[in-house]
Structures are given as structure tokens and as C-alpha cells.
């Protein structure tokens, strides 16, 4: 099993909080869009969605975990059964709220 990890932070927010997509379920249910992108920004760019790990066995998948080494206290892990191609990047966007944005 291969695991990639990176910090997640609400961009452009001095006081950002991630959106809880289901407040009736215990814990935060993150609302994220995560994709493997091959040839990012190049001709032939191709995206493949990555599913959330919760309740599935297929790989790759993603999850949000606690990580005190990140400014937000959170990191995203992408779990894989095989290594991605050399020209692959992971793009992730998670819904967040903020009262004061540093840019419009």
C-alpha cells in the first residue's frame, strides 16, 4: 500500500473552517473533490477522480486525517495500491468558509 500525504488549509482565509457536508453524522464530513491529473497544464491533460476512502476498498482513495505538523491541523492522504505515473499530480479542493478573505 502506498500513501501520499500533504497538508490541507483553507486558501485565502485568515479564519477558514472546512465545511461539514453532513452535520447529523459524528465528526466532520469533508466536501472535497480530488483528482489524479496526468500531463497537468500540458496538451493531453487527463483527470481521473479519486473517491473518498470511507466505506470503500478500491484504490486510489483519499481521507482527511489529523496532523499537528500542518497549520490547519489536517492533512490529506491518498492511498494507492500501485504507484502513479511519473507525470501525475493530485489536485484537491475542499469546501471551506471564511469571514475575511485575503483576496476576492
C-alpha atoms as a PDB file:
ATOM      1  CA  UNK A   1       0.000   0.000   0.000  1.00  0.00           C
ATOM      2  CA  UNK A   2       1.373   3.435  -0.985  1.00  0.00           C
ATOM      3  CA  UNK A   3       0.353   6.579   0.892  1.00  0.00           C
ATOM      4  CA  UNK A   4       0.932  10.178  -0.225  1.00  0.00           C
ATOM      5  CA  UNK A   5       0.299  12.921   2.339  1.00  0.00           C
ATOM      6  CA  UNK A   6       0.040  16.710   2.195  1.00  0.00           C
ATOM      7  CA  UNK A   7      -1.313  19.495   4.416  1.00  0.00           C
ATOM      8  CA  UNK A   8      -4.740  20.962   3.674  1.00  0.00           C
ATOM      9  CA  UNK A   9      -5.508  24.576   4.515  1.00  0.00           C
ATOM     10  CA  UNK A  10      -8.419  26.853   3.530  1.00  0.00           C
ATOM     11  CA  UNK A  11      -6.813  29.120   0.919  1.00  0.00           C
ATOM     12  CA  UNK A  12      -7.256  32.906   1.127  1.00  0.00           C
ATOM     13  CA  UNK A  13      -8.807  32.668   4.598  1.00  0.00           C
ATOM     14  CA  UNK A  14      -7.375  34.140   7.757  1.00  0.00           C
ATOM     15  CA  UNK A  15     -10.096  32.377   9.754  1.00  0.00           C
ATOM     16  CA  UNK A  16     -11.100  29.469   7.476  1.00  0.00           C
ATOM     17  CA  UNK A  17     -13.060  26.414   8.502  1.00  0.00           C
ATOM     18  CA  UNK A  18     -13.800  23.382   6.391  1.00  0.00           C
ATOM     19  CA  UNK A  19     -17.463  22.783   5.578  1.00  0.00           C
ATOM     20  CA  UNK A  20     -19.121  19.804   7.289  1.00  0.00           C
ATOM     21  CA  UNK A  21     -21.187  18.252   4.485  1.00  0.00           C
ATOM     22  CA  UNK A  22     -23.345  16.245   6.923  1.00  0.00           C
ATOM     23  CA  UNK A  23     -23.845  17.742  10.371  1.00  0.00           C
ATOM     24  CA  UNK A  24     -26.052  14.828  11.514  1.00  0.00           C
ATOM     25  CA  UNK A  25     -23.107  12.400  11.280  1.00  0.00           C
ATOM     26  CA  UNK A  26     -20.450  12.412  14.013  1.00  0.00           C
ATOM     27  CA  UNK A  27     -17.191  14.111  13.038  1.00  0.00           C
ATOM     28  CA  UNK A  28     -16.558  16.381  10.084  1.00  0.00           C
ATOM     29  CA  UNK A  29     -17.698  15.077   6.708  1.00  0.00           C
ATOM     30  CA  UNK A  30     -15.321  16.911   4.349  1.00  0.00           C
ATOM     31  CA  UNK A  31     -16.681  18.043   0.996  1.00  0.00           C
ATOM     32  CA  UNK A  32     -13.698  17.575  -1.334  1.00  0.00           C
ATOM     33  CA  UNK A  33     -13.034  16.980  -5.000  1.00  0.00           C
ATOM     34  CA  UNK A  34      -9.797  15.038  -5.519  1.00  0.00           C
ATOM     35  CA  UNK A  35      -8.326  14.055  -8.892  1.00  0.00           C
ATOM     36  CA  UNK A  36      -5.253  12.395 -10.338  1.00  0.00           C
ATOM     37  CA  UNK A  37      -4.123  14.611 -13.227  1.00  0.00           C
ATOM     38  CA  UNK A  38      -1.685  13.393 -15.828  1.00  0.00           C
ATOM     39  CA  UNK A  39       0.184  15.898 -18.001  1.00  0.00           C
ATOM     40  CA  UNK A  40      -1.025  18.790 -15.823  1.00  0.00           C
ATOM     41  CA  UNK A  41      -1.149  22.026 -17.837  1.00  0.00           C
ATOM     42  CA  UNK A  42       0.088  20.252 -20.966  1.00  0.00           C
ATOM     43  CA  UNK A  43      -1.570  19.000 -24.157  1.00  0.00           C
ATOM     44  CA  UNK A  44      -3.272  15.706 -23.396  1.00  0.00           C
ATOM     45  CA  UNK A  45      -4.041  16.632 -19.775  1.00  0.00           C
ATOM     46  CA  UNK A  46      -6.338  13.974 -18.305  1.00  0.00           C
ATOM     47  CA  UNK A  47      -8.159  13.884 -14.946  1.00  0.00           C
ATOM     48  CA  UNK A  48      -9.311  10.810 -13.065  1.00  0.00           C
ATOM     49  CA  UNK A  49     -11.491  11.347  -9.960  1.00  0.00           C
ATOM     50  CA  UNK A  50     -10.332   9.771  -6.697  1.00  0.00           C
ATOM     51  CA  UNK A  51     -13.050   8.553  -4.307  1.00  0.00           C
ATOM     52  CA  UNK A  52     -13.082   9.093  -0.546  1.00  0.00           C
ATOM     53  CA  UNK A  53     -11.779   6.025   1.338  1.00  0.00           C
ATOM     54  CA  UNK A  54     -14.751   5.885   3.734  1.00  0.00           C
ATOM     55  CA  UNK A  55     -16.626   2.618   3.172  1.00  0.00           C
ATOM     56  CA  UNK A  56     -14.795   1.506   0.015  1.00  0.00           C
ATOM     57  CA  UNK A  57     -11.972  -0.908  -0.730  1.00  0.00           C
ATOM     58  CA  UNK A  58     -10.900   0.331  -4.178  1.00  0.00           C
ATOM     59  CA  UNK A  59      -7.707   2.334  -4.541  1.00  0.00           C
ATOM     60  CA  UNK A  60      -6.687   5.041  -5.028  1.00  0.00           C
ATOM     61  CA  UNK A  61      -8.794   6.831  -2.442  1.00  0.00           C
ATOM     62  CA  UNK A  62      -8.389   9.852  -0.142  1.00  0.00           C
ATOM     63  CA  UNK A  63      -9.049  10.714   3.506  1.00  0.00           C
ATOM     64  CA  UNK A  64      -8.525  13.710   5.790  1.00  0.00           C
ATOM     65  CA  UNK A  65      -6.511  12.987   8.952  1.00  0.00           C
ATOM     66  CA  UNK A  66      -5.330  14.960  11.970  1.00  0.00           C
ATOM     67  CA  UNK A  67      -1.744  16.200  11.543  1.00  0.00           C
ATOM     68  CA  UNK A  68      -0.223  18.619  14.061  1.00  0.00           C
ATOM     69  CA  UNK A  69       2.558  19.404  11.574  1.00  0.00           C
ATOM     70  CA  UNK A  70       0.087  21.288   9.355  1.00  0.00           C
ATOM     71  CA  UNK A  71      -1.102  24.856  10.036  1.00  0.00           C
ATOM     72  CA  UNK A  72      -4.753  23.727   9.848  1.00  0.00           C
ATOM     73  CA  UNK A  73      -4.051  20.607  11.925  1.00  0.00           C
ATOM     74  CA  UNK A  74      -5.224  18.492   8.971  1.00  0.00           C
ATOM     75  CA  UNK A  75      -3.598  16.549   6.147  1.00  0.00           C
ATOM     76  CA  UNK A  76      -4.966  14.654   3.159  1.00  0.00           C
ATOM     77  CA  UNK A  77      -3.760  11.152   2.471  1.00  0.00           C
ATOM     78  CA  UNK A  78      -4.097   9.453  -0.909  1.00  0.00           C
ATOM     79  CA  UNK A  79      -3.825   5.700  -0.528  1.00  0.00           C
ATOM     80  CA  UNK A  80      -2.802   3.663  -3.588  1.00  0.00           C
ATOM     81  CA  UNK A  81      -2.265   0.030  -4.490  1.00  0.00           C
ATOM     82  CA  UNK A  82       0.099   0.991  -7.369  1.00  0.00           C
ATOM     83  CA  UNK A  83       2.417   3.974  -7.876  1.00  0.00           C
ATOM     84  CA  UNK A  84       1.032   6.796 -10.033  1.00  0.00           C
ATOM     85  CA  UNK A  85       2.685   7.653 -13.377  1.00  0.00           C
ATOM     86  CA  UNK A  86       5.713   9.969 -13.168  1.00  0.00           C
ATOM     87  CA  UNK A  87       3.748  12.792 -14.833  1.00  0.00           C
ATOM     88  CA  UNK A  88       0.907  12.654 -12.276  1.00  0.00           C
ATOM     89  CA  UNK A  89      -0.168  15.342  -9.793  1.00  0.00           C
ATOM     90  CA  UNK A  90      -3.014  15.244  -7.280  1.00  0.00           C
ATOM     91  CA  UNK A  91      -5.417  18.205  -7.299  1.00  0.00           C
ATOM     92  CA  UNK A  92      -7.691  18.576  -4.283  1.00  0.00           C
ATOM     93  CA  UNK A  93     -10.301  21.203  -3.492  1.00  0.00           C
ATOM     94  CA  UNK A  94     -12.289  21.147  -0.249  1.00  0.00           C
ATOM     95  CA  UNK A  95     -15.210  23.431   0.593  1.00  0.00           C
ATOM     96  CA  UNK A  96     -14.389  25.992   3.280  1.00  0.00           C
ATOM     97  CA  UNK A  97     -15.976  29.059   4.801  1.00  0.00           C
ATOM     98  CA  UNK A  98     -14.285  32.269   5.867  1.00  0.00           C
ATOM     99  CA  UNK A  99     -15.389  35.618   7.198  1.00  0.00           C
ATOM    100  CA  UNK A 100     -12.389  37.575   5.931  1.00  0.00           C
ATOM    101  CA  UNK A 101     -10.772  36.670   2.630  1.00  0.00           C
ATOM    102  CA  UNK A 102      -7.315  37.940   1.751  1.00  0.00           C
ATOM    103  CA  UNK A 103      -8.254  38.024  -1.942  1.00  0.00           C
ATOM    104  CA  UNK A 104     -11.608  38.203  -3.721  1.00  0.00           C
END
